[in-house]
């Protein structure tokens, strides 16, 4: 039996592009033929589910019944579970995972667990690292600088940042580059995955009429994002091999 993989994408601050990162992960796994399901914790109305309605379920991470939906079904046959944690709930979500024994299972090697921690531009965001670090024993921990919202990280003194970053053994830094604003807006309007926008497909897989120029911007951006995922051997984490480039489907 393939060991389950659980990826939590979150932040303790809103507006840092958390769901955008979740979308790039789902696209990446899709084109690499990794069977994936997703849980959107923006209950009752989720953003992630709008783009991936067939594989996404909206849940309340604080509700025991919904925790059972996620973690009692990890051996359902789908190798990767992506959880898009609601803004401000990362620390509490990790605490819940500790309380149900999930983190112990990850430490013992029964489950592969990874956290994509989306950082904001302020020192307060760096303080989140110290809080999150207490839960990371046995987990893959990725600190993500997301420039999709034109974040400049101007408040970060490098020495200060390093003092936070180096508190966590084996933490890995990822960079999500900025996407052309008009291209990003048009993907939002289309309400389709990035790979479908590039492939000029609509919500029901029908031919679309997306701009050639904007599709090019998205394709180039997605290639850069996926290069970061290749660098950290993300498909190997899921027990697969990387086989595609951005925009291929």
Protein backbone atom coordinates (compact mmCIF):
# COMPACT_ATOMS: atom_id res chain seq x y z
CA UNK A 1 0.00 0.00 0.00
CA UNK A 2 1.29 3.46 -0.92
CA UNK A 3 1.98 5.62 2.12
CA UNK A 4 -0.51 8.50 2.31
CA UNK A 5 0.82 12.00 1.67
CA UNK A 6 -0.84 14.99 3.35
CA UNK A 7 0.08 18.55 2.36
CA UNK A 8 -1.23 21.48 4.36
CA UNK A 9 -1.05 24.90 2.69
CA UNK A 10 -1.63 27.74 5.09
CA UNK A 11 -0.70 30.96 6.84
CA UNK A 12 -1.76 32.79 9.95
CA UNK A 13 -2.38 35.89 7.85
CA UNK A 14 -4.84 36.48 5.02
CA UNK A 15 -4.09 37.92 1.60
CA UNK A 16 -0.79 36.13 1.03
CA UNK A 17 -1.91 34.03 -1.95
CA UNK A 18 -2.37 30.76 -0.06
CA UNK A 19 -5.06 29.34 -2.34
CA UNK A 20 -3.05 30.30 -5.44
CA UNK A 21 -0.25 28.06 -4.19
CA UNK A 22 -2.73 25.24 -3.55
CA UNK A 23 -3.95 25.58 -7.13
CA UNK A 24 -0.42 25.29 -8.54
CA UNK A 25 0.10 22.15 -6.46
CA UNK A 26 -3.08 20.52 -7.75
CA UNK A 27 -2.14 21.35 -11.35
CA UNK A 28 1.37 20.02 -10.82
CA UNK A 29 0.16 16.71 -9.43
CA UNK A 30 -2.48 16.41 -12.14
CA UNK A 31 -0.05 16.68 -15.05
CA UNK A 32 2.31 14.28 -13.30
CA UNK A 33 -0.47 11.70 -12.97
CA UNK A 34 -0.49 11.76 -9.17
CA UNK A 35 -3.94 10.94 -7.84
CA UNK A 36 -4.93 13.82 -5.60
CA UNK A 37 -7.88 15.06 -3.60
CA UNK A 38 -8.31 18.43 -1.90
CA UNK A 39 -10.09 19.88 1.09
CA UNK A 40 -11.04 23.54 1.19
CA UNK A 41 -11.43 24.86 4.73
CA UNK A 42 -12.95 28.19 3.68
CA UNK A 43 -16.26 26.90 4.99
CA UNK A 44 -19.05 27.33 4.04
CA UNK A 45 -18.04 28.80 0.67
CA UNK A 46 -14.65 27.75 -0.64
CA UNK A 47 -12.43 29.36 -3.26
CA UNK A 48 -10.42 26.26 -4.12
CA UNK A 49 -13.56 24.25 -4.87
CA UNK A 50 -14.57 26.82 -7.51
CA UNK A 51 -11.53 25.84 -9.57
CA UNK A 52 -11.47 22.10 -8.77
CA UNK A 53 -15.08 21.10 -8.02
CA UNK A 54 -14.62 17.42 -8.87
CA UNK A 55 -11.79 16.69 -6.44
CA UNK A 56 -12.42 19.26 -3.69
CA UNK A 57 -14.66 19.07 -0.65
CA UNK A 58 -15.39 22.00 1.66
CA UNK A 59 -14.80 21.17 5.32
CA UNK A 60 -14.57 22.83 8.71
CA UNK A 61 -11.21 21.83 10.18
CA UNK A 62 -12.43 22.59 13.69
CA UNK A 63 -15.34 20.13 13.44
CA UNK A 64 -14.68 16.54 14.52
CA UNK A 65 -16.96 15.10 11.82
CA UNK A 66 -15.04 16.92 9.09
CA UNK A 67 -11.70 15.89 10.59
CA UNK A 68 -12.94 12.30 10.24
CA UNK A 69 -13.81 12.94 6.57
CA UNK A 70 -10.20 13.88 5.94
CA UNK A 71 -8.11 11.63 8.15
CA UNK A 72 -10.23 8.49 8.44
CA UNK A 73 -10.07 8.18 4.64
CA UNK A 74 -6.33 8.63 4.04
CA UNK A 75 -6.07 5.05 2.78
CA UNK A 76 -8.82 5.58 0.19
CA UNK A 77 -6.41 4.89 -2.68
CA UNK A 78 -5.62 8.50 -3.57
CA UNK A 79 -1.97 9.10 -2.81
CA UNK A 80 -2.00 12.85 -2.04
CA UNK A 81 -4.36 14.94 0.10
CA UNK A 82 -4.01 18.72 -0.19
CA UNK A 83 -5.59 20.78 2.59
CA UNK A 84 -6.03 24.49 1.90
CA UNK A 85 -6.16 25.85 5.44
CA UNK A 86 -8.33 28.87 6.08
CA UNK A 87 -6.48 32.14 6.67
CA UNK A 88 -5.55 32.48 10.32
CA UNK A 89 -6.07 28.79 11.07
CA UNK A 90 -2.65 27.30 10.36
CA UNK A 91 -1.49 27.12 13.97
CA UNK A 92 -4.84 25.89 15.26
CA UNK A 93 -5.05 23.33 12.44
CA UNK A 94 -1.62 21.98 13.34
CA UNK A 95 -2.64 21.84 16.99
CA UNK A 96 -5.67 19.77 15.99
CA UNK A 97 -3.41 17.39 14.05
CA UNK A 98 -1.31 16.99 17.17
CA UNK A 99 -4.35 16.31 19.34
CA UNK A 100 -5.72 13.53 17.09
CA UNK A 101 -2.33 11.79 16.92
CA UNK A 102 -1.67 12.64 13.27
CA UNK A 103 1.70 14.26 13.97
CA UNK A 104 2.80 11.18 15.90
CA UNK A 105 1.93 9.04 12.87
CA UNK A 106 3.98 11.35 10.65
CA UNK A 107 6.95 11.15 13.01
CA UNK A 108 6.78 7.35 13.03
CA UNK A 109 6.80 7.25 9.21
CA UNK A 110 3.26 5.99 8.69
CA UNK A 111 2.28 9.17 6.82
CA UNK A 112 4.27 11.64 4.74
CA UNK A 113 3.39 15.11 5.99
CA UNK A 114 4.37 18.45 4.43
CA UNK A 115 3.49 22.03 5.26
CA UNK A 116 3.67 24.87 2.75
CA UNK A 117 3.78 27.95 4.98
CA UNK A 118 2.95 31.03 2.91
CA UNK A 119 4.79 34.02 4.35
CA UNK A 120 3.67 37.63 4.32
CA UNK A 121 5.92 40.66 4.09
CA UNK A 122 5.95 41.71 7.75
CA UNK A 123 7.93 40.72 10.81
CA UNK A 124 4.66 39.41 12.23
CA UNK A 125 4.70 36.82 9.47
CA UNK A 126 8.17 35.76 10.55
CA UNK A 127 6.84 35.30 14.08
CA UNK A 128 4.52 32.65 12.62
CA UNK A 129 7.60 30.57 11.78
CA UNK A 130 8.57 30.29 15.44
CA UNK A 131 5.04 29.21 16.38
CA UNK A 132 4.72 26.72 13.53
CA UNK A 133 8.17 25.24 14.20
CA UNK A 134 6.91 23.49 17.33
CA UNK A 135 4.77 21.20 15.15
CA UNK A 136 7.32 20.39 12.44
CA UNK A 137 9.17 17.44 13.91
CA UNK A 138 8.73 14.67 11.33
CA UNK A 139 7.28 16.98 8.68
CA UNK A 140 8.61 18.47 5.46
CA UNK A 141 8.50 22.21 6.05
CA UNK A 142 8.49 24.67 3.14
CA UNK A 143 8.67 28.42 3.70
CA UNK A 144 7.06 30.06 0.68
CA UNK A 145 7.72 33.61 -0.44
CA UNK A 146 4.77 34.31 -2.70
CA UNK A 147 5.18 37.31 -5.00
CA UNK A 148 1.87 36.73 -6.81
CA UNK A 149 0.34 39.73 -4.99
CA UNK A 150 3.39 41.89 -5.76
CA UNK A 151 4.69 41.44 -2.22
CA UNK A 152 8.08 43.09 -1.74
CA UNK A 153 9.07 41.66 1.66
CA UNK A 154 10.53 45.10 2.29
CA UNK A 155 10.40 44.83 6.08
CA UNK A 156 12.72 41.85 6.21
CA UNK A 157 16.27 42.41 7.31
CA UNK A 158 18.18 39.38 5.98
CA UNK A 159 19.89 38.71 9.30
CA UNK A 160 16.53 38.78 11.06
CA UNK A 161 15.01 36.47 8.49
CA UNK A 162 17.91 34.03 8.79
CA UNK A 163 17.52 33.95 12.56
CA UNK A 164 13.95 32.70 12.11
CA UNK A 165 14.64 30.44 9.14
CA UNK A 166 17.49 28.56 10.79
CA UNK A 167 15.43 27.70 13.86
CA UNK A 168 13.90 24.82 11.93
CA UNK A 169 16.02 21.92 10.79
CA UNK A 170 15.58 20.94 7.16
CA UNK A 171 13.27 23.86 6.34
CA UNK A 172 13.28 24.64 2.62
CA UNK A 173 12.60 28.02 1.05
CA UNK A 174 10.44 28.30 -2.07
CA UNK A 175 9.78 31.34 -4.26
CA UNK A 176 6.54 31.82 -6.21
CA UNK A 177 7.14 34.58 -8.80
CA UNK A 178 4.72 37.32 -9.74
CA UNK A 179 2.21 36.63 -12.49
CA UNK A 180 1.09 39.34 -14.91
CA UNK A 181 -1.93 40.97 -13.25
CA UNK A 182 -4.22 40.84 -16.28
CA UNK A 183 -3.38 37.18 -16.85
CA UNK A 184 -4.14 36.36 -13.22
CA UNK A 185 -7.44 38.24 -13.38
CA UNK A 186 -8.53 36.42 -16.52
CA UNK A 187 -7.84 33.02 -14.96
CA UNK A 188 -9.97 34.14 -12.01
CA UNK A 189 -12.79 35.16 -14.35
CA UNK A 190 -12.57 31.88 -16.25
CA UNK A 191 -12.69 29.91 -12.96
CA UNK A 192 -10.56 27.12 -14.38
CA UNK A 193 -7.25 25.56 -13.31
CA UNK A 194 -4.13 27.29 -14.64
CA UNK A 195 -3.35 24.33 -16.92
CA UNK A 196 -6.84 24.49 -18.46
CA UNK A 197 -6.47 28.21 -19.11
CA UNK A 198 -3.16 27.57 -20.87
CA UNK A 199 -4.74 24.73 -22.86
CA UNK A 200 -7.60 27.08 -23.86
CA UNK A 201 -10.27 24.97 -22.21
CA UNK A 202 -13.45 26.04 -20.42
CA UNK A 203 -14.98 24.76 -17.18
CA UNK A 204 -16.54 21.74 -18.89
CA UNK A 205 -13.47 20.95 -21.01
CA UNK A 206 -14.99 22.75 -23.98
CA UNK A 207 -12.82 24.95 -26.27
CA UNK A 208 -12.37 28.47 -24.87
CA UNK A 209 -11.30 31.75 -26.42
CA UNK A 210 -8.58 32.85 -24.02
CA UNK A 211 -6.02 35.41 -25.10
CA UNK A 212 -2.92 33.93 -26.71
CA UNK A 213 -0.80 36.55 -24.92
CA UNK A 214 -2.28 35.93 -21.49
CA UNK A 215 -2.02 32.19 -21.93
CA UNK A 216 1.66 32.71 -22.70
CA UNK A 217 2.17 34.67 -19.50
CA UNK A 218 0.48 31.95 -17.45
CA UNK A 219 2.47 29.20 -19.19
CA UNK A 220 5.78 30.93 -18.50
CA UNK A 221 4.87 31.68 -14.89
CA UNK A 222 3.66 28.14 -14.24
CA UNK A 223 6.90 26.73 -15.66
CA UNK A 224 8.85 28.80 -13.13
CA UNK A 225 6.63 27.66 -10.27
CA UNK A 226 6.93 24.03 -11.25
CA UNK A 227 10.70 24.37 -11.56
CA UNK A 228 10.63 25.18 -7.84
CA UNK A 229 8.52 22.08 -7.20
CA UNK A 230 10.94 19.98 -9.27
CA UNK A 231 13.83 21.41 -7.26
CA UNK A 232 12.37 20.05 -4.02
CA UNK A 233 11.51 16.70 -5.68
CA UNK A 234 7.83 17.12 -4.95
CA UNK A 235 6.68 14.21 -7.11
CA UNK A 236 9.13 11.91 -5.33
CA UNK A 237 7.51 12.99 -2.08
CA UNK A 238 4.29 11.59 -3.55
CA UNK A 239 5.98 8.44 -4.80
CA UNK A 240 6.03 9.45 -8.48
CA UNK A 241 8.43 10.90 -11.04
CA UNK A 242 8.19 14.33 -12.63
CA UNK A 243 7.30 13.86 -16.27
CA UNK A 244 5.85 17.09 -17.66
CA UNK A 245 6.44 20.76 -18.16
CA UNK A 246 4.08 23.69 -17.60
CA UNK A 247 1.01 23.82 -19.79
CA UNK A 248 1.17 20.20 -20.87
CA UNK A 249 -1.93 18.20 -20.19
